[in-house]
C-alpha atoms as a PDB file:
ATOM      1  CA  GLN A   1     161.857  81.216  81.853  1.00  0.00           C
ATOM      2  CA  VAL A   2     159.570  81.644  78.876  1.00  0.00           C
ATOM      3  CA  GLN A   3     157.149  84.518  78.466  1.00  0.00           C
ATOM      4  CA  LEU A   4     153.984  84.314  76.354  1.00  0.00           C
ATOM      5  CA  VAL A   5     151.934  87.303  75.221  1.00  0.00           C
ATOM      6  CA  GLU A   6     148.683  86.767  73.326  1.00  0.00           C
ATOM      7  CA  SER A   7     146.969  89.285  71.105  1.00  0.00           C
ATOM      8  CA  GLY A   8     144.293  89.420  68.441  1.00  0.00           C
ATOM      9  CA  GLY A   9     141.142  88.754  70.439  1.00  0.00           C
ATOM     10  CA  GLY A  10     138.060  90.899  70.160  1.00  0.00           C
ATOM     11  CA  LEU A  11     134.421  91.057  69.191  1.00  0.00           C
ATOM     12  CA  VAL A  12     133.299  89.515  65.924  1.00  0.00           C
ATOM     13  CA  GLN A  13     129.989  88.531  64.394  1.00  0.00           C
ATOM     14  CA  ALA A  14     129.059  84.905  63.848  1.00  0.00           C
ATOM     15  CA  GLY A  15     130.652  83.629  60.667  1.00  0.00           C
ATOM     16  CA  GLY A  16     133.586  85.996  61.006  1.00  0.00           C
ATOM     17  CA  SER A  17     137.269  85.290  61.508  1.00  0.00           C
ATOM     18  CA  LEU A  18     139.989  86.199  63.961  1.00  0.00           C
ATOM     19  CA  ARG A  19     143.707  85.488  64.124  1.00  0.00           C
ATOM     20  CA  LEU A  20     145.306  85.151  67.512  1.00  0.00           C
ATOM     21  CA  SER A  21     149.032  85.581  68.020  1.00  0.00           C
ATOM     22  CA  CYS A  22     151.253  84.288  70.794  1.00  0.00           C
ATOM     23  CA  ALA A  23     154.631  85.965  70.970  1.00  0.00           C
ATOM     24  CA  THR A  24     157.268  84.107  72.951  1.00  0.00           C
ATOM     25  CA  SER A  25     160.398  85.447  74.568  1.00  0.00           C
ATOM     26  CA  GLY A  26     163.023  84.277  77.016  1.00  0.00           C
ATOM     27  CA  ARG A  27     164.328  80.723  76.597  1.00  0.00           C
ATOM     28  CA  VAL A  28     162.463  80.162  73.332  1.00  0.00           C
ATOM     29  CA  ARG A  29     164.863  77.468  72.194  1.00  0.00           C
ATOM     30  CA  SER A  30     163.717  75.322  75.105  1.00  0.00           C
ATOM     31  CA  ILE A  31     160.117  75.272  73.827  1.00  0.00           C
ATOM     32  CA  SER A  32     159.211  71.773  72.656  1.00  0.00           C
ATOM     33  CA  ALA A  33     155.461  72.106  72.104  1.00  0.00           C
ATOM     34  CA  MET A  34     152.768  74.763  71.968  1.00  0.00           C
ATOM     35  CA  GLY A  35     149.022  74.941  71.897  1.00  0.00           C
ATOM     36  CA  TRP A  36     145.922  77.048  72.268  1.00  0.00           C
ATOM     37  CA  TYR A  37     143.314  76.472  74.957  1.00  0.00           C
ATOM     38  CA  ARG A  38     140.101  78.250  75.772  1.00  0.00           C
ATOM     39  CA  GLN A  39     137.889  78.655  78.799  1.00  0.00           C
ATOM     40  CA  ALA A  40     134.313  79.896  78.768  1.00  0.00           C
ATOM     41  CA  PRO A  41     132.549  81.070  81.945  1.00  0.00           C
ATOM     42  CA  GLY A  42     131.540  78.147  84.108  1.00  0.00           C
ATOM     43  CA  LYS A  43     133.382  75.639  81.925  1.00  0.00           C
ATOM     44  CA  GLN A  44     136.688  73.838  82.152  1.00  0.00           C
ATOM     45  CA  ARG A  45     139.647  74.895  80.091  1.00  0.00           C
ATOM     46  CA  GLU A  46     139.810  72.861  76.894  1.00  0.00           C
ATOM     47  CA  VAL A  47     142.420  72.412  74.211  1.00  0.00           C
ATOM     48  CA  VAL A  48     141.582  73.952  70.855  1.00  0.00           C
ATOM     49  CA  ALA A  49     144.650  73.148  68.791  1.00  0.00           C
ATOM     50  CA  ALA A  50     148.176  71.971  69.469  1.00  0.00           C
ATOM     51  CA  LEU A  51     151.545  71.519  67.814  1.00  0.00           C
ATOM     52  CA  ASN A  52     153.610  68.397  68.260  1.00  0.00           C
ATOM     53  CA  SER A  53     157.245  68.435  69.300  1.00  0.00           C
ATOM     54  CA  ASP A  54     158.225  68.389  65.602  1.00  0.00           C
ATOM     55  CA  TRP A  55     155.902  71.421  65.094  1.00  0.00           C
ATOM     56  CA  SER A  56     153.401  69.488  63.033  1.00  0.00           C
ATOM     57  CA  THR A  57     149.752  69.964  63.897  1.00  0.00           C
ATOM     58  CA  ASN A  58     148.391  67.536  66.439  1.00  0.00           C
ATOM     59  CA  SER A  59     145.329  66.290  64.600  1.00  0.00           C
ATOM     60  CA  ALA A  60     143.799  64.899  67.755  1.00  0.00           C
ATOM     61  CA  TYR A  61     143.197  68.410  68.940  1.00  0.00           C
ATOM     62  CA  PHE A  62     142.574  70.182  65.668  1.00  0.00           C
ATOM     63  CA  GLY A  63     139.772  72.584  66.355  1.00  0.00           C
ATOM     64  CA  LYS A  64     136.810  71.161  64.530  1.00  0.00           C
ATOM     65  CA  GLY A  65     138.207  71.984  61.078  1.00  0.00           C
ATOM     66  CA  ARG A  66     137.633  75.695  61.514  1.00  0.00           C
ATOM     67  CA  PHE A  67     140.844  76.486  63.390  1.00  0.00           C
ATOM     68  CA  THR A  68     144.411  76.383  62.102  1.00  0.00           C
ATOM     69  CA  ILE A  69     147.492  76.524  64.292  1.00  0.00           C
ATOM     70  CA  TRP A  70     151.023  77.171  63.122  1.00  0.00           C
ATOM     71  CA  ARG A  71     154.299  78.569  64.343  1.00  0.00           C
ATOM     72  CA  ASP A  72     156.643  81.095  62.777  1.00  0.00           C
ATOM     73  CA  LYS A  73     159.957  79.900  64.157  1.00  0.00           C
ATOM     74  CA  ALA A  74     161.917  82.954  63.036  1.00  0.00           C
ATOM     75  CA  ALA A  75     159.444  85.301  64.712  1.00  0.00           C
ATOM     76  CA  HIS A  76     159.096  83.066  67.803  1.00  0.00           C
ATOM     77  CA  THR A  77     155.345  83.394  67.429  1.00  0.00           C
ATOM     78  CA  ALA A  78     152.475  80.925  67.277  1.00  0.00           C
ATOM     79  CA  TYR A  79     149.186  81.699  65.584  1.00  0.00           C
ATOM     80  CA  LEU A  80     145.617  80.492  65.698  1.00  0.00           C
ATOM     81  CA  GLN A  81     143.452  81.312  62.708  1.00  0.00           C
ATOM     82  CA  MET A  82     139.784  80.933  63.541  1.00  0.00           C
ATOM     83  CA  ASN A  83     137.215  80.930  60.739  1.00  0.00           C
ATOM     84  CA  ASN A  84     133.450  80.691  60.633  1.00  0.00           C
ATOM     85  CA  LEU A  85     133.238  81.567  64.299  1.00  0.00           C
ATOM     86  CA  GLU A  86     130.167  80.681  66.301  1.00  0.00           C
ATOM     87  CA  PRO A  87     128.790  82.218  69.514  1.00  0.00           C
ATOM     88  CA  GLU A  88     129.821  78.996  71.273  1.00  0.00           C
ATOM     89  CA  ASP A  89     133.436  79.876  70.508  1.00  0.00           C
ATOM     90  CA  SER A  90     133.251  82.848  72.870  1.00  0.00           C
ATOM     91  CA  ALA A  91     135.845  82.360  75.598  1.00  0.00           C
ATOM     92  CA  VAL A  92     139.174  83.508  76.901  1.00  0.00           C
ATOM     93  CA  TYR A  93     141.854  81.964  74.713  1.00  0.00           C
ATOM     94  CA  TYR A  94     145.187  81.025  76.259  1.00  0.00           C
ATOM     95  CA  CYS A  95     148.485  80.210  74.644  1.00  0.00           C
ATOM     96  CA  TYR A  96     150.465  77.342  76.169  1.00  0.00           C
ATOM     97  CA  ALA A  97     154.087  76.342  75.798  1.00  0.00           C
ATOM     98  CA  LYS A  98     156.034  73.397  77.121  1.00  0.00           C
ATOM     99  CA  SER A  99     159.684  73.972  77.855  1.00  0.00           C
ATOM    100  CA  GLU A 100     162.255  71.232  78.325  1.00  0.00           C
ATOM    101  CA  VAL A 101     165.544  72.047  79.972  1.00  0.00           C
ATOM    102  CA  GLY A 102     168.574  69.901  80.674  1.00  0.00           C
ATOM    103  CA  PRO A 103     170.148  66.750  79.265  1.00  0.00           C
ATOM    104  CA  VAL A 104     167.944  64.077  77.778  1.00  0.00           C
ATOM    105  CA  GLU A 105     168.522  61.722  80.695  1.00  0.00           C
ATOM    106  CA  LYS A 106     167.545  64.370  83.219  1.00  0.00           C
ATOM    107  CA  VAL A 107     165.196  66.742  81.397  1.00  0.00           C
ATOM    108  CA  VAL A 108     163.010  69.077  83.440  1.00  0.00           C
ATOM    109  CA  THR A 109     159.700  70.142  81.955  1.00  0.00           C
ATOM    110  CA  TYR A 110     157.999  73.473  82.580  1.00  0.00           C
ATOM    111  CA  ASP A 111     154.530  74.635  81.564  1.00  0.00           C
ATOM    112  CA  TYR A 112     153.896  78.243  80.636  1.00  0.00           C
ATOM    113  CA  TRP A 113     150.656  80.116  79.992  1.00  0.00           C
ATOM    114  CA  GLY A 114     149.878  83.478  78.524  1.00  0.00           C
ATOM    115  CA  GLN A 115     147.562  85.960  80.192  1.00  0.00           C
ATOM    116  CA  GLY A 116     144.670  85.143  77.873  1.00  0.00           C
ATOM    117  CA  THR A 117     142.802  87.116  75.249  1.00  0.00           C
ATOM    118  CA  GLN A 118     139.025  87.480  75.128  1.00  0.00           C
ATOM    119  CA  VAL A 119     137.135  86.317  72.044  1.00  0.00           C
ATOM    120  CA  THR A 120     133.465  87.229  71.846  1.00  0.00           C
ATOM    121  CA  VAL A 121     131.280  86.077  68.972  1.00  0.00           C
ATOM    122  CA  SER A 122     127.914  87.757  68.622  1.00  0.00           C
ATOM    123  CA  SER A 123     124.950  86.064  66.972  1.00  0.00           C
END
């Protein structure tokens, strides 16, 4: 089992910045990838930024140049720095982690989600 706890959301004016944190616990050594998603009311959940299995940034999902994702391995925490925020960025932001357990020839994959943190950007 892996537990994820997000923090850092809140209310900010357009053009402002926020840093979200995702603290992991449990079987953290089984985590092979992480990412941040968001979901606005009435919309589907979408990926904002993601880390590859080697912990490099997945450029395919890099959040429009305004968001930076990284992981502090020693602290077992992932971060999402969001700059120049826009009202359209308002959503609940979720941390995601993929866990892989077992031998390579018989690996079992698990998906974990945090509880979400609200980000509201006022115009």
